[in-house]
Amino acid sequence: MRTNSDKEQLVCKLCPPPGRFFKKAAGLAVHLKHTHQFGGKTFFCTTCQRSVRTQLDLDSHTKRHANQDAVFTCLLCKAQEGKAGYTGTKLGLRRHLEQEHPGVIPRCDICNKGFLSLTSYLADQFRHVGVSPYYCARCQIYEMTERGLSVHIRNDNIREKKLQESQNNLLVPQNNLLEPESNPRELGVSVSDDNSATDDSDF
């Protein structure tokens, strides 16, 4: 602590001279945490071991690494025999699709999704080719962080559970809905699709 006037002030000794002054200890603590990374949690990139301050910074940093390593290919050119297709960056694929295949948005060959815009198609492709250590083998996609992968797996399991429940509900026998005494077969009523007044049983 240093005094500059009659009031006592706190100074950050890590900042360049003369340092930064604070009236309260809480202000100095916040400054040390945000500016000099004292206390709190730090995040590290698994690729380059760089430390960042927040989860958001780590997500965008990891995405940059994945963008550099990603190789995008044109599925439309690949389908046409004898024509060399595009292979390269995301921006290059966007330009290629706009010039060579205007107005056409391909379906994803991995997850078989259709898209309304080229931007959403390219975002989906990035999830398949943007290599990171966090890979879901079932969906064949990469997530940028461990947390992102765990959220993806949890959501995927919830979706699968709901799908199984809906399929199980469809398999429940429907004949329990009719009372035994009002069963149409027992009353001699035709239950076929062609239930006209002159079906073959009348002749």
N, C-alpha and C. Protein backbone atom coordinates (compact mmCIF):
# COMPACT_ATOMS: atom_id res chain seq x y z
N MET A 1 0.83 -1.18 0.00
CA MET A 1 0.00 0.00 0.00
C MET A 1 0.88 1.25 0.00
N ARG A 2 0.44 2.20 -0.80
CA ARG A 2 1.14 3.48 -0.85
C ARG A 2 0.15 4.59 -0.60
N THR A 3 0.62 5.66 -0.03
CA THR A 3 -0.27 6.80 0.19
C THR A 3 0.10 7.91 -0.76
N ASN A 4 -0.89 8.44 -1.43
CA ASN A 4 -0.68 9.56 -2.35
C ASN A 4 -1.22 10.85 -1.76
N SER A 5 -2.16 10.75 -0.87
CA SER A 5 -2.74 11.93 -0.24
C SER A 5 -3.03 11.59 1.20
N ASP A 6 -3.93 12.34 1.80
CA ASP A 6 -4.27 12.04 3.18
C ASP A 6 -5.02 10.73 3.30
N LYS A 7 -5.68 10.28 2.21
CA LYS A 7 -6.38 8.99 2.24
C LYS A 7 -5.42 7.90 1.80
N GLU A 8 -5.58 6.72 2.37
CA GLU A 8 -4.73 5.60 2.02
C GLU A 8 -5.29 4.92 0.78
N GLN A 9 -4.45 4.64 -0.23
CA GLN A 9 -4.88 3.99 -1.45
C GLN A 9 -4.08 2.73 -1.69
N LEU A 10 -4.69 1.82 -2.44
CA LEU A 10 -4.02 0.58 -2.82
C LEU A 10 -3.48 0.74 -4.24
N VAL A 11 -2.32 0.17 -4.50
CA VAL A 11 -1.72 0.28 -5.83
C VAL A 11 -1.36 -1.11 -6.34
N CYS A 12 -1.55 -1.30 -7.62
CA CYS A 12 -1.15 -2.55 -8.27
C CYS A 12 0.31 -2.43 -8.67
N LYS A 13 1.18 -3.22 -8.09
CA LYS A 13 2.61 -3.15 -8.38
C LYS A 13 2.98 -3.90 -9.66
N LEU A 14 2.00 -4.65 -10.22
CA LEU A 14 2.28 -5.39 -11.46
C LEU A 14 2.08 -4.52 -12.70
N CYS A 15 1.32 -3.43 -12.55
CA CYS A 15 1.12 -2.52 -13.67
C CYS A 15 2.37 -1.65 -13.83
N PRO A 16 2.63 -1.12 -15.04
CA PRO A 16 3.81 -0.26 -15.25
C PRO A 16 3.76 0.96 -14.32
N PRO A 17 4.93 1.47 -13.90
CA PRO A 17 4.97 2.61 -12.98
C PRO A 17 4.21 3.80 -13.55
N PRO A 18 3.51 4.50 -12.77
CA PRO A 18 3.43 4.51 -11.32
C PRO A 18 2.45 3.47 -10.77
N GLY A 19 1.92 2.58 -11.57
CA GLY A 19 0.96 1.59 -11.09
C GLY A 19 -0.46 2.13 -11.17
N ARG A 20 -1.39 1.28 -10.90
CA ARG A 20 -2.79 1.70 -10.93
C ARG A 20 -3.30 1.75 -9.50
N PHE A 21 -4.01 2.83 -9.17
CA PHE A 21 -4.46 3.05 -7.79
C PHE A 21 -5.92 2.66 -7.62
N PHE A 22 -6.24 2.13 -6.44
CA PHE A 22 -7.60 1.71 -6.11
C PHE A 22 -7.97 2.21 -4.73
N LYS A 23 -9.24 2.58 -4.57
CA LYS A 23 -9.74 3.06 -3.28
C LYS A 23 -10.07 1.90 -2.36
N LYS A 24 -10.52 0.79 -2.94
CA LYS A 24 -10.96 -0.35 -2.13
C LYS A 24 -10.18 -1.61 -2.51
N ALA A 25 -10.07 -2.52 -1.54
CA ALA A 25 -9.36 -3.78 -1.78
C ALA A 25 -10.11 -4.65 -2.79
N ALA A 26 -11.44 -4.54 -2.81
CA ALA A 26 -12.23 -5.33 -3.76
C ALA A 26 -11.91 -4.94 -5.20
N GLY A 27 -11.71 -3.63 -5.43
CA GLY A 27 -11.36 -3.16 -6.78
C GLY A 27 -10.01 -3.70 -7.23
N LEU A 28 -9.05 -3.71 -6.31
CA LEU A 28 -7.73 -4.26 -6.62
C LEU A 28 -7.81 -5.76 -6.89
N ALA A 29 -8.62 -6.46 -6.11
CA ALA A 29 -8.77 -7.91 -6.31
C ALA A 29 -9.36 -8.22 -7.68
N VAL A 30 -10.38 -7.46 -8.10
CA VAL A 30 -10.99 -7.67 -9.42
C VAL A 30 -9.97 -7.37 -10.51
N HIS A 31 -9.21 -6.28 -10.34
CA HIS A 31 -8.19 -5.91 -11.32
C HIS A 31 -7.13 -7.01 -11.46
N LEU A 32 -6.65 -7.52 -10.33
CA LEU A 32 -5.64 -8.58 -10.36
C LEU A 32 -6.16 -9.83 -11.06
N LYS A 33 -7.42 -10.15 -10.80
CA LYS A 33 -8.01 -11.36 -11.39
C LYS A 33 -8.16 -11.22 -12.89
N HIS A 34 -8.70 -10.08 -13.34
CA HIS A 34 -8.99 -9.92 -14.77
C HIS A 34 -7.77 -9.51 -15.60
N THR A 35 -6.92 -8.68 -15.03
CA THR A 35 -5.79 -8.17 -15.81
C THR A 35 -4.56 -9.07 -15.69
N HIS A 36 -4.30 -9.54 -14.51
CA HIS A 36 -3.07 -10.31 -14.28
C HIS A 36 -3.32 -11.78 -13.98
N GLN A 37 -4.56 -12.21 -14.05
CA GLN A 37 -4.97 -13.60 -13.89
C GLN A 37 -4.55 -14.18 -12.54
N PHE A 38 -4.70 -13.40 -11.47
CA PHE A 38 -4.45 -13.91 -10.12
C PHE A 38 -5.74 -14.53 -9.62
N GLY A 39 -5.65 -15.73 -9.10
CA GLY A 39 -6.84 -16.40 -8.59
C GLY A 39 -7.75 -16.78 -9.75
N GLY A 40 -8.83 -17.44 -9.47
CA GLY A 40 -9.75 -17.83 -10.52
C GLY A 40 -9.19 -18.97 -11.35
N LYS A 41 -9.94 -19.35 -12.33
CA LYS A 41 -9.59 -20.49 -13.16
C LYS A 41 -8.98 -20.02 -14.47
N THR A 42 -7.95 -20.70 -14.92
CA THR A 42 -7.40 -20.42 -16.25
C THR A 42 -7.64 -21.64 -17.13
N PHE A 43 -7.77 -21.40 -18.40
CA PHE A 43 -8.07 -22.45 -19.37
C PHE A 43 -6.88 -22.59 -20.30
N PHE A 44 -6.57 -23.84 -20.70
CA PHE A 44 -5.42 -24.11 -21.54
C PHE A 44 -5.84 -24.80 -22.83
N CYS A 45 -5.24 -24.37 -23.94
CA CYS A 45 -5.47 -25.01 -25.23
C CYS A 45 -4.67 -26.31 -25.25
N THR A 46 -5.32 -27.42 -25.58
CA THR A 46 -4.62 -28.71 -25.61
C THR A 46 -3.67 -28.83 -26.79
N THR A 47 -3.87 -27.98 -27.82
CA THR A 47 -3.02 -28.05 -29.01
C THR A 47 -1.71 -27.30 -28.82
N CYS A 48 -1.79 -26.03 -28.37
CA CYS A 48 -0.59 -25.20 -28.27
C CYS A 48 -0.22 -24.83 -26.84
N GLN A 49 -0.97 -25.31 -25.85
CA GLN A 49 -0.73 -25.05 -24.43
C GLN A 49 -0.83 -23.58 -24.04
N ARG A 50 -1.49 -22.78 -24.86
CA ARG A 50 -1.68 -21.36 -24.53
C ARG A 50 -2.77 -21.23 -23.47
N SER A 51 -2.58 -20.33 -22.51
CA SER A 51 -3.60 -20.13 -21.49
C SER A 51 -4.49 -18.96 -21.88
N VAL A 52 -5.77 -19.10 -21.62
CA VAL A 52 -6.75 -18.04 -21.86
C VAL A 52 -7.57 -17.88 -20.59
N ARG A 53 -8.29 -16.74 -20.50
CA ARG A 53 -8.97 -16.42 -19.26
C ARG A 53 -10.34 -17.05 -19.09
N THR A 54 -11.09 -17.19 -20.17
CA THR A 54 -12.47 -17.66 -20.04
C THR A 54 -12.75 -18.84 -20.96
N GLN A 55 -13.86 -19.50 -20.69
CA GLN A 55 -14.30 -20.62 -21.53
C GLN A 55 -14.60 -20.13 -22.95
N LEU A 56 -15.19 -18.94 -23.07
CA LEU A 56 -15.50 -18.38 -24.40
C LEU A 56 -14.23 -18.14 -25.21
N ASP A 57 -13.19 -17.61 -24.56
CA ASP A 57 -11.91 -17.41 -25.24
C ASP A 57 -11.32 -18.74 -25.69
N LEU A 58 -11.43 -19.75 -24.84
CA LEU A 58 -10.91 -21.08 -25.20
C LEU A 58 -11.68 -21.66 -26.39
N ASP A 59 -13.02 -21.50 -26.39
CA ASP A 59 -13.83 -22.01 -27.50
C ASP A 59 -13.42 -21.38 -28.83
N SER A 60 -13.28 -20.06 -28.85
CA SER A 60 -12.93 -19.39 -30.11
C SER A 60 -11.49 -19.71 -30.51
N HIS A 61 -10.58 -19.84 -29.54
CA HIS A 61 -9.20 -20.20 -29.84
C HIS A 61 -9.11 -21.60 -30.44
N THR A 62 -9.82 -22.55 -29.83
CA THR A 62 -9.83 -23.94 -30.34
C THR A 62 -10.44 -24.00 -31.73
N LYS A 63 -11.46 -23.19 -31.97
CA LYS A 63 -12.10 -23.16 -33.29
C LYS A 63 -11.13 -22.68 -34.36
N ARG A 64 -10.26 -21.73 -34.00
CA ARG A 64 -9.26 -21.26 -34.97
C ARG A 64 -8.31 -22.38 -35.37
N HIS A 65 -7.87 -23.19 -34.39
CA HIS A 65 -7.00 -24.34 -34.70
C HIS A 65 -7.73 -25.30 -35.63
N ALA A 66 -8.99 -25.59 -35.32
CA ALA A 66 -9.75 -26.54 -36.12
C ALA A 66 -9.97 -26.00 -37.54
N ASN A 67 -10.19 -24.69 -37.68
CA ASN A 67 -10.37 -24.08 -39.00
C ASN A 67 -9.11 -24.22 -39.85
N GLN A 68 -7.94 -24.09 -39.21
CA GLN A 68 -6.68 -24.19 -39.95
C GLN A 68 -6.46 -25.61 -40.47
N ASP A 69 -6.89 -26.62 -39.71
CA ASP A 69 -6.64 -28.01 -40.08
C ASP A 69 -7.75 -28.62 -40.94
N ALA A 70 -8.91 -27.96 -41.01
CA ALA A 70 -10.06 -28.53 -41.72
C ALA A 70 -9.85 -28.50 -43.24
N VAL A 71 -10.24 -29.59 -43.88
CA VAL A 71 -10.18 -29.67 -45.35
C VAL A 71 -11.60 -29.94 -45.85
N PHE A 72 -12.16 -28.98 -46.58
CA PHE A 72 -13.51 -29.08 -47.11
C PHE A 72 -13.46 -29.56 -48.55
N THR A 73 -14.39 -30.43 -48.94
CA THR A 73 -14.46 -30.92 -50.32
C THR A 73 -15.84 -30.69 -50.89
N CYS A 74 -15.92 -30.48 -52.18
CA CYS A 74 -17.19 -30.28 -52.86
C CYS A 74 -17.79 -31.65 -53.19
N LEU A 75 -18.94 -31.93 -52.59
CA LEU A 75 -19.60 -33.22 -52.81
C LEU A 75 -20.27 -33.28 -54.18
N LEU A 76 -20.62 -32.13 -54.74
CA LEU A 76 -21.28 -32.09 -56.04
C LEU A 76 -20.30 -32.44 -57.16
N CYS A 77 -19.08 -31.92 -57.07
CA CYS A 77 -18.05 -32.25 -58.06
C CYS A 77 -17.61 -33.70 -57.92
N LYS A 78 -17.59 -34.17 -56.69
CA LYS A 78 -17.20 -35.55 -56.41
C LYS A 78 -18.16 -36.53 -57.09
N ALA A 79 -19.44 -36.15 -57.18
CA ALA A 79 -20.44 -37.01 -57.78
C ALA A 79 -20.32 -37.04 -59.30
N GLN A 80 -19.78 -35.97 -59.89
CA GLN A 80 -19.61 -35.92 -61.35
C GLN A 80 -18.29 -36.58 -61.72
N GLU A 81 -18.36 -37.63 -62.49
CA GLU A 81 -17.13 -38.36 -62.85
C GLU A 81 -16.30 -37.57 -63.84
N GLY A 82 -15.00 -37.70 -63.73
CA GLY A 82 -14.08 -37.05 -64.66
C GLY A 82 -13.80 -35.60 -64.33
N LYS A 83 -14.45 -35.02 -63.33
CA LYS A 83 -14.24 -33.62 -62.98
C LYS A 83 -13.51 -33.55 -61.65
N ALA A 84 -12.43 -32.78 -61.61
CA ALA A 84 -11.68 -32.62 -60.37
C ALA A 84 -12.46 -31.71 -59.44
N GLY A 85 -12.81 -32.21 -58.28
CA GLY A 85 -13.60 -31.44 -57.32
C GLY A 85 -12.75 -30.50 -56.51
N TYR A 86 -13.42 -29.58 -55.80
CA TYR A 86 -12.72 -28.63 -54.96
C TYR A 86 -12.32 -29.28 -53.63
N THR A 87 -11.13 -28.99 -53.18
CA THR A 87 -10.65 -29.39 -51.86
C THR A 87 -9.87 -28.22 -51.29
N GLY A 88 -10.26 -27.76 -50.10
CA GLY A 88 -9.55 -26.62 -49.51
C GLY A 88 -10.26 -26.07 -48.29
N THR A 89 -10.25 -24.74 -48.17
CA THR A 89 -10.77 -24.07 -46.98
C THR A 89 -12.29 -23.89 -47.06
N LYS A 90 -12.86 -23.49 -45.93
CA LYS A 90 -14.30 -23.25 -45.84
C LYS A 90 -14.72 -22.08 -46.75
N LEU A 91 -13.95 -20.99 -46.70
CA LEU A 91 -14.25 -19.83 -47.54
C LEU A 91 -14.09 -20.18 -49.02
N GLY A 92 -13.06 -20.98 -49.33
CA GLY A 92 -12.86 -21.40 -50.71
C GLY A 92 -14.00 -22.27 -51.21
N LEU A 93 -14.51 -23.17 -50.37
CA LEU A 93 -15.64 -24.01 -50.75
C LEU A 93 -16.89 -23.16 -50.98
N ARG A 94 -17.08 -22.14 -50.15
CA ARG A 94 -18.23 -21.25 -50.33
C ARG A 94 -18.16 -20.57 -51.70
N ARG A 95 -16.98 -20.02 -52.04
CA ARG A 95 -16.80 -19.37 -53.34
C ARG A 95 -17.02 -20.36 -54.48
N HIS A 96 -16.48 -21.56 -54.33
CA HIS A 96 -16.62 -22.60 -55.36
C HIS A 96 -18.09 -22.95 -55.59
N LEU A 97 -18.83 -23.17 -54.50
CA LEU A 97 -20.25 -23.53 -54.64
C LEU A 97 -21.05 -22.40 -55.27
N GLU A 98 -20.73 -21.14 -54.91
CA GLU A 98 -21.46 -20.01 -55.49
C GLU A 98 -21.16 -19.82 -56.97
N GLN A 99 -19.93 -20.14 -57.40
CA GLN A 99 -19.55 -19.95 -58.80
C GLN A 99 -19.88 -21.16 -59.68
N GLU A 100 -19.54 -22.35 -59.22
CA GLU A 100 -19.70 -23.56 -60.02
C GLU A 100 -21.09 -24.19 -59.92
N HIS A 101 -21.74 -24.05 -58.78
CA HIS A 101 -23.05 -24.67 -58.55
C HIS A 101 -24.02 -23.63 -57.96
N PRO A 102 -24.30 -22.53 -58.68
CA PRO A 102 -25.14 -21.47 -58.09
C PRO A 102 -26.55 -21.97 -57.79
N GLY A 103 -27.03 -21.61 -56.60
CA GLY A 103 -28.40 -21.96 -56.20
C GLY A 103 -28.56 -23.37 -55.67
N VAL A 104 -27.50 -24.17 -55.69
CA VAL A 104 -27.60 -25.56 -55.22
C VAL A 104 -26.96 -25.65 -53.84
N ILE A 105 -27.72 -26.23 -52.89
CA ILE A 105 -27.18 -26.47 -51.55
C ILE A 105 -27.17 -27.98 -51.35
N PRO A 106 -25.99 -28.58 -51.29
CA PRO A 106 -25.93 -30.05 -51.18
C PRO A 106 -26.42 -30.57 -49.84
N ARG A 107 -26.84 -31.83 -49.82
CA ARG A 107 -27.15 -32.51 -48.56
C ARG A 107 -25.84 -33.00 -47.96
N CYS A 108 -25.83 -33.14 -46.66
CA CYS A 108 -24.64 -33.67 -45.99
C CYS A 108 -24.55 -35.17 -46.26
N ASP A 109 -23.40 -35.64 -46.73
CA ASP A 109 -23.25 -37.07 -47.04
C ASP A 109 -22.99 -37.91 -45.79
N ILE A 110 -22.75 -37.27 -44.64
CA ILE A 110 -22.48 -38.01 -43.41
C ILE A 110 -23.74 -38.17 -42.58
N CYS A 111 -24.44 -37.05 -42.31
CA CYS A 111 -25.63 -37.13 -41.45
C CYS A 111 -26.93 -37.03 -42.26
N ASN A 112 -26.84 -36.87 -43.57
CA ASN A 112 -27.98 -36.86 -44.49
C ASN A 112 -28.97 -35.73 -44.20
N LYS A 113 -28.49 -34.62 -43.65
CA LYS A 113 -29.35 -33.46 -43.39
C LYS A 113 -29.44 -32.60 -44.64
N GLY A 114 -30.60 -31.96 -44.81
CA GLY A 114 -30.79 -30.97 -45.86
C GLY A 114 -30.72 -29.59 -45.24
N PHE A 115 -30.38 -28.56 -46.03
CA PHE A 115 -30.18 -27.22 -45.49
C PHE A 115 -30.87 -26.18 -46.35
N LEU A 116 -31.29 -25.09 -45.71
CA LEU A 116 -31.96 -24.00 -46.42
C LEU A 116 -30.97 -22.95 -46.90
N SER A 117 -29.79 -22.89 -46.28
CA SER A 117 -28.80 -21.89 -46.69
C SER A 117 -27.41 -22.52 -46.77
N LEU A 118 -26.57 -21.87 -47.54
CA LEU A 118 -25.19 -22.33 -47.70
C LEU A 118 -24.41 -22.17 -46.39
N THR A 119 -24.74 -21.14 -45.62
CA THR A 119 -24.07 -20.91 -44.33
C THR A 119 -24.32 -22.07 -43.37
N SER A 120 -25.57 -22.53 -43.28
CA SER A 120 -25.87 -23.65 -42.37
C SER A 120 -25.24 -24.95 -42.87
N TYR A 121 -25.17 -25.12 -44.20
CA TYR A 121 -24.49 -26.31 -44.76
C TYR A 121 -23.02 -26.31 -44.38
N LEU A 122 -22.34 -25.16 -44.54
CA LEU A 122 -20.91 -25.08 -44.24
C LEU A 122 -20.65 -25.24 -42.73
N ALA A 123 -21.56 -24.73 -41.89
CA ALA A 123 -21.41 -24.92 -40.44
C ALA A 123 -21.51 -26.39 -40.09
N ASP A 124 -22.42 -27.12 -40.74
CA ASP A 124 -22.55 -28.56 -40.50
C ASP A 124 -21.30 -29.29 -40.98
N GLN A 125 -20.79 -28.92 -42.13
CA GLN A 125 -19.58 -29.56 -42.66
C GLN A 125 -18.39 -29.33 -41.73
N PHE A 126 -18.32 -28.13 -41.14
CA PHE A 126 -17.23 -27.84 -40.21
C PHE A 126 -17.28 -28.78 -39.01
N ARG A 127 -18.47 -29.14 -38.56
CA ARG A 127 -18.59 -30.07 -37.42
C ARG A 127 -18.06 -31.46 -37.79
N HIS A 128 -18.08 -31.80 -39.08
CA HIS A 128 -17.59 -33.12 -39.51
C HIS A 128 -16.09 -33.12 -39.82
N VAL A 129 -15.56 -31.99 -40.31
CA VAL A 129 -14.15 -31.98 -40.74
C VAL A 129 -13.24 -31.10 -39.89
N GLY A 130 -13.79 -30.26 -39.01
CA GLY A 130 -12.99 -29.40 -38.14
C GLY A 130 -12.40 -30.21 -37.02
N VAL A 131 -11.22 -30.76 -37.21
CA VAL A 131 -10.65 -31.75 -36.31
C VAL A 131 -10.30 -31.13 -34.96
N SER A 132 -10.77 -31.79 -33.90
CA SER A 132 -10.41 -31.44 -32.53
C SER A 132 -10.32 -32.74 -31.74
N PRO A 133 -9.79 -32.70 -30.52
CA PRO A 133 -9.68 -33.96 -29.75
C PRO A 133 -11.03 -34.50 -29.27
N TYR A 134 -12.10 -33.73 -29.42
CA TYR A 134 -13.39 -34.12 -28.86
C TYR A 134 -14.30 -34.59 -29.98
N TYR A 135 -14.33 -35.90 -30.19
CA TYR A 135 -15.01 -36.50 -31.33
C TYR A 135 -16.12 -37.45 -30.88
N CYS A 136 -17.30 -37.34 -31.49
CA CYS A 136 -18.39 -38.28 -31.23
C CYS A 136 -18.42 -39.26 -32.40
N ALA A 137 -18.05 -40.50 -32.15
CA ALA A 137 -17.96 -41.50 -33.22
C ALA A 137 -19.34 -41.88 -33.75
N ARG A 138 -20.35 -41.84 -32.90
CA ARG A 138 -21.70 -42.23 -33.33
C ARG A 138 -22.26 -41.25 -34.36
N CYS A 139 -22.10 -39.95 -34.09
CA CYS A 139 -22.63 -38.92 -35.00
C CYS A 139 -21.59 -38.47 -36.03
N GLN A 140 -20.34 -38.86 -35.85
CA GLN A 140 -19.23 -38.48 -36.70
C GLN A 140 -19.05 -36.97 -36.77
N ILE A 141 -19.05 -36.33 -35.59
CA ILE A 141 -18.83 -34.89 -35.53
C ILE A 141 -17.77 -34.58 -34.48
N TYR A 142 -17.14 -33.41 -34.65
CA TYR A 142 -16.16 -32.90 -33.70
C TYR A 142 -16.80 -31.75 -32.93
N GLU A 143 -16.57 -31.72 -31.63
CA GLU A 143 -16.94 -30.57 -30.80
C GLU A 143 -15.64 -29.86 -30.44
N MET A 144 -15.73 -28.56 -30.19
CA MET A 144 -14.53 -27.77 -29.96
C MET A 144 -13.96 -27.92 -28.54
N THR A 145 -14.82 -28.32 -27.58
CA THR A 145 -14.35 -28.44 -26.20
C THR A 145 -14.87 -29.73 -25.59
N GLU A 146 -14.26 -30.13 -24.48
CA GLU A 146 -14.70 -31.32 -23.75
C GLU A 146 -16.13 -31.11 -23.23
N ARG A 147 -16.39 -29.89 -22.74
CA ARG A 147 -17.72 -29.56 -22.26
C ARG A 147 -18.75 -29.65 -23.39
N GLY A 148 -18.39 -29.16 -24.57
CA GLY A 148 -19.29 -29.23 -25.72
C GLY A 148 -19.61 -30.66 -26.10
N LEU A 149 -18.61 -31.53 -26.02
CA LEU A 149 -18.83 -32.94 -26.34
C LEU A 149 -19.73 -33.60 -25.32
N SER A 150 -19.53 -33.29 -24.02
CA SER A 150 -20.39 -33.91 -23.00
C SER A 150 -21.83 -33.43 -23.13
N VAL A 151 -22.04 -32.16 -23.47
CA VAL A 151 -23.40 -31.64 -23.69
C VAL A 151 -24.02 -32.32 -24.91
N HIS A 152 -23.24 -32.49 -25.98
CA HIS A 152 -23.73 -33.15 -27.19
C HIS A 152 -24.17 -34.58 -26.89
N ILE A 153 -23.33 -35.32 -26.15
CA ILE A 153 -23.65 -36.72 -25.84
C ILE A 153 -24.89 -36.79 -24.96
N ARG A 154 -25.00 -35.89 -23.97
CA ARG A 154 -26.17 -35.89 -23.10
C ARG A 154 -27.45 -35.61 -23.91
N ASN A 155 -27.41 -34.60 -24.79
CA ASN A 155 -28.58 -34.27 -25.62
C ASN A 155 -28.91 -35.41 -26.58
N ASP A 156 -27.89 -36.05 -27.12
CA ASP A 156 -28.11 -37.16 -28.04
C ASP A 156 -28.77 -38.33 -27.31
N ASN A 157 -28.34 -38.61 -26.08
CA ASN A 157 -28.95 -39.69 -25.30
C ASN A 157 -30.41 -39.38 -24.95
N ILE A 158 -30.70 -38.12 -24.63
CA ILE A 158 -32.09 -37.72 -24.35
C ILE A 158 -32.95 -37.91 -25.59
N ARG A 159 -32.43 -37.48 -26.77
CA ARG A 159 -33.17 -37.64 -28.03
C ARG A 159 -33.45 -39.11 -28.33
N GLU A 160 -32.43 -39.94 -28.13
CA GLU A 160 -32.59 -41.38 -28.40
C GLU A 160 -33.61 -42.01 -27.45
N LYS A 161 -33.58 -41.60 -26.18
CA LYS A 161 -34.52 -42.13 -25.20
C LYS A 161 -35.96 -41.76 -25.58
N LYS A 162 -36.17 -40.51 -26.00
CA LYS A 162 -37.51 -40.06 -26.41
C LYS A 162 -37.97 -40.82 -27.65
N LEU A 163 -37.07 -41.07 -28.58
CA LEU A 163 -37.41 -41.81 -29.80
C LEU A 163 -37.81 -43.24 -29.45
N GLN A 164 -37.07 -43.89 -28.56
CA GLN A 164 -37.42 -45.25 -28.15
C GLN A 164 -38.76 -45.29 -27.44
N GLU A 165 -39.04 -44.30 -26.59
CA GLU A 165 -40.33 -44.26 -25.90
C GLU A 165 -41.48 -44.09 -26.88
N SER A 166 -41.29 -43.23 -27.90
CA SER A 166 -42.36 -43.02 -28.87
C SER A 166 -42.57 -44.28 -29.73
N GLN A 167 -41.48 -44.99 -30.04
CA GLN A 167 -41.62 -46.23 -30.79
C GLN A 167 -42.29 -47.31 -29.95
N ASN A 168 -41.97 -47.36 -28.66
CA ASN A 168 -42.62 -48.33 -27.77
C ASN A 168 -44.11 -48.05 -27.63
N ASN A 169 -44.49 -46.77 -27.62
CA ASN A 169 -45.91 -46.41 -27.54
C ASN A 169 -46.66 -46.83 -28.79
N LEU A 170 -46.00 -46.80 -29.93
CA LEU A 170 -46.64 -47.22 -31.18
C LEU A 170 -46.83 -48.73 -31.25
N LEU A 171 -46.00 -49.48 -30.54
CA LEU A 171 -46.06 -50.94 -30.58
C LEU A 171 -47.09 -51.53 -29.61
N VAL A 172 -47.71 -50.71 -28.78
CA VAL A 172 -48.72 -51.19 -27.84
C VAL A 172 -49.92 -51.69 -28.64
N PRO A 173 -50.43 -52.91 -28.39
CA PRO A 173 -51.55 -53.43 -29.16
C PRO A 173 -52.79 -52.54 -29.03
N GLN A 174 -53.42 -52.26 -30.16
CA GLN A 174 -54.58 -51.39 -30.19
C GLN A 174 -55.89 -52.15 -29.97
N ASN A 175 -55.88 -53.49 -29.98
CA ASN A 175 -57.13 -54.24 -29.84
C ASN A 175 -57.68 -54.20 -28.42
N ASN A 176 -56.90 -53.67 -27.48
CA ASN A 176 -57.41 -53.54 -26.11
C ASN A 176 -58.42 -52.41 -25.99
N LEU A 177 -58.50 -51.57 -27.01
CA LEU A 177 -59.41 -50.44 -26.95
C LEU A 177 -60.87 -50.86 -27.15
N LEU A 178 -61.13 -51.97 -27.83
CA LEU A 178 -62.50 -52.42 -28.10
C LEU A 178 -62.96 -53.38 -27.02
N GLU A 179 -64.19 -53.26 -26.64
CA GLU A 179 -64.78 -54.20 -25.68
C GLU A 179 -65.00 -55.53 -26.38
N PRO A 180 -64.88 -56.67 -25.69
CA PRO A 180 -65.06 -57.96 -26.35
C PRO A 180 -66.45 -58.14 -26.97
N GLU A 181 -67.49 -57.60 -26.34
CA GLU A 181 -68.82 -57.80 -26.89
C GLU A 181 -69.09 -56.93 -28.12
N SER A 182 -68.30 -55.88 -28.32
CA SER A 182 -68.54 -55.04 -29.49
C SER A 182 -67.50 -55.25 -30.58
N ASN A 183 -66.78 -56.36 -30.54
CA ASN A 183 -65.79 -56.66 -31.56
C ASN A 183 -66.51 -56.86 -32.89
N PRO A 184 -66.17 -56.12 -33.95
CA PRO A 184 -66.90 -56.19 -35.21
C PRO A 184 -66.87 -57.56 -35.86
N ARG A 185 -65.79 -58.33 -35.69
CA ARG A 185 -65.72 -59.65 -36.32
C ARG A 185 -66.77 -60.59 -35.72
N GLU A 186 -67.01 -60.47 -34.42
CA GLU A 186 -67.99 -61.33 -33.77
C GLU A 186 -69.42 -60.97 -34.16
N LEU A 187 -69.65 -59.71 -34.53
CA LEU A 187 -70.99 -59.28 -34.90
C LEU A 187 -71.31 -59.55 -36.36
N GLY A 188 -70.33 -60.07 -37.14
CA GLY A 188 -70.56 -60.36 -38.55
C GLY A 188 -70.42 -59.14 -39.43
N VAL A 189 -69.81 -58.11 -38.94
CA VAL A 189 -69.61 -56.89 -39.72
C VAL A 189 -68.24 -56.98 -40.36
N SER A 190 -68.16 -56.62 -41.65
CA SER A 190 -66.89 -56.64 -42.36
C SER A 190 -66.00 -55.52 -41.86
N VAL A 191 -64.75 -55.83 -41.61
CA VAL A 191 -63.81 -54.82 -41.14
C VAL A 191 -62.75 -54.51 -42.18
N SER A 192 -62.94 -54.91 -43.41
CA SER A 192 -61.96 -54.64 -44.46
C SER A 192 -62.09 -53.19 -44.91
N ASP A 193 -61.10 -52.73 -45.71
CA ASP A 193 -61.12 -51.37 -46.21
C ASP A 193 -62.30 -51.14 -47.13
N ASP A 194 -62.67 -52.14 -47.90
CA ASP A 194 -63.78 -52.01 -48.83
C ASP A 194 -65.05 -52.49 -48.12
N ASN A 195 -65.65 -51.64 -47.33
CA ASN A 195 -66.83 -52.00 -46.56
C ASN A 195 -68.06 -51.37 -47.22
N SER A 196 -68.28 -51.71 -48.46
CA SER A 196 -69.43 -51.14 -49.16
C SER A 196 -70.67 -51.99 -48.92
N ALA A 197 -71.82 -51.50 -49.33
CA ALA A 197 -73.11 -52.21 -49.12
C ALA A 197 -73.20 -53.45 -49.98
N THR A 198 -72.46 -53.51 -51.06
CA THR A 198 -72.54 -54.68 -51.95
C THR A 198 -71.18 -55.35 -52.07
N ASP A 199 -70.65 -55.82 -50.95
CA ASP A 199 -69.39 -56.54 -51.09
C ASP A 199 -69.67 -58.01 -51.40
N ASP A 200 -68.65 -58.77 -51.67
CA ASP A 200 -68.79 -60.14 -52.20
C ASP A 200 -69.48 -61.10 -51.23
N SER A 201 -69.49 -60.82 -49.95
CA SER A 201 -70.08 -61.74 -48.98
C SER A 201 -71.60 -61.77 -49.09
N ASP A 202 -72.21 -60.75 -49.74
CA ASP A 202 -73.66 -60.70 -49.87
C ASP A 202 -74.19 -61.63 -50.96
N PHE A 203 -73.38 -62.05 -51.88
CA PHE A 203 -73.85 -62.87 -53.02
C PHE A 203 -73.70 -64.32 -52.79
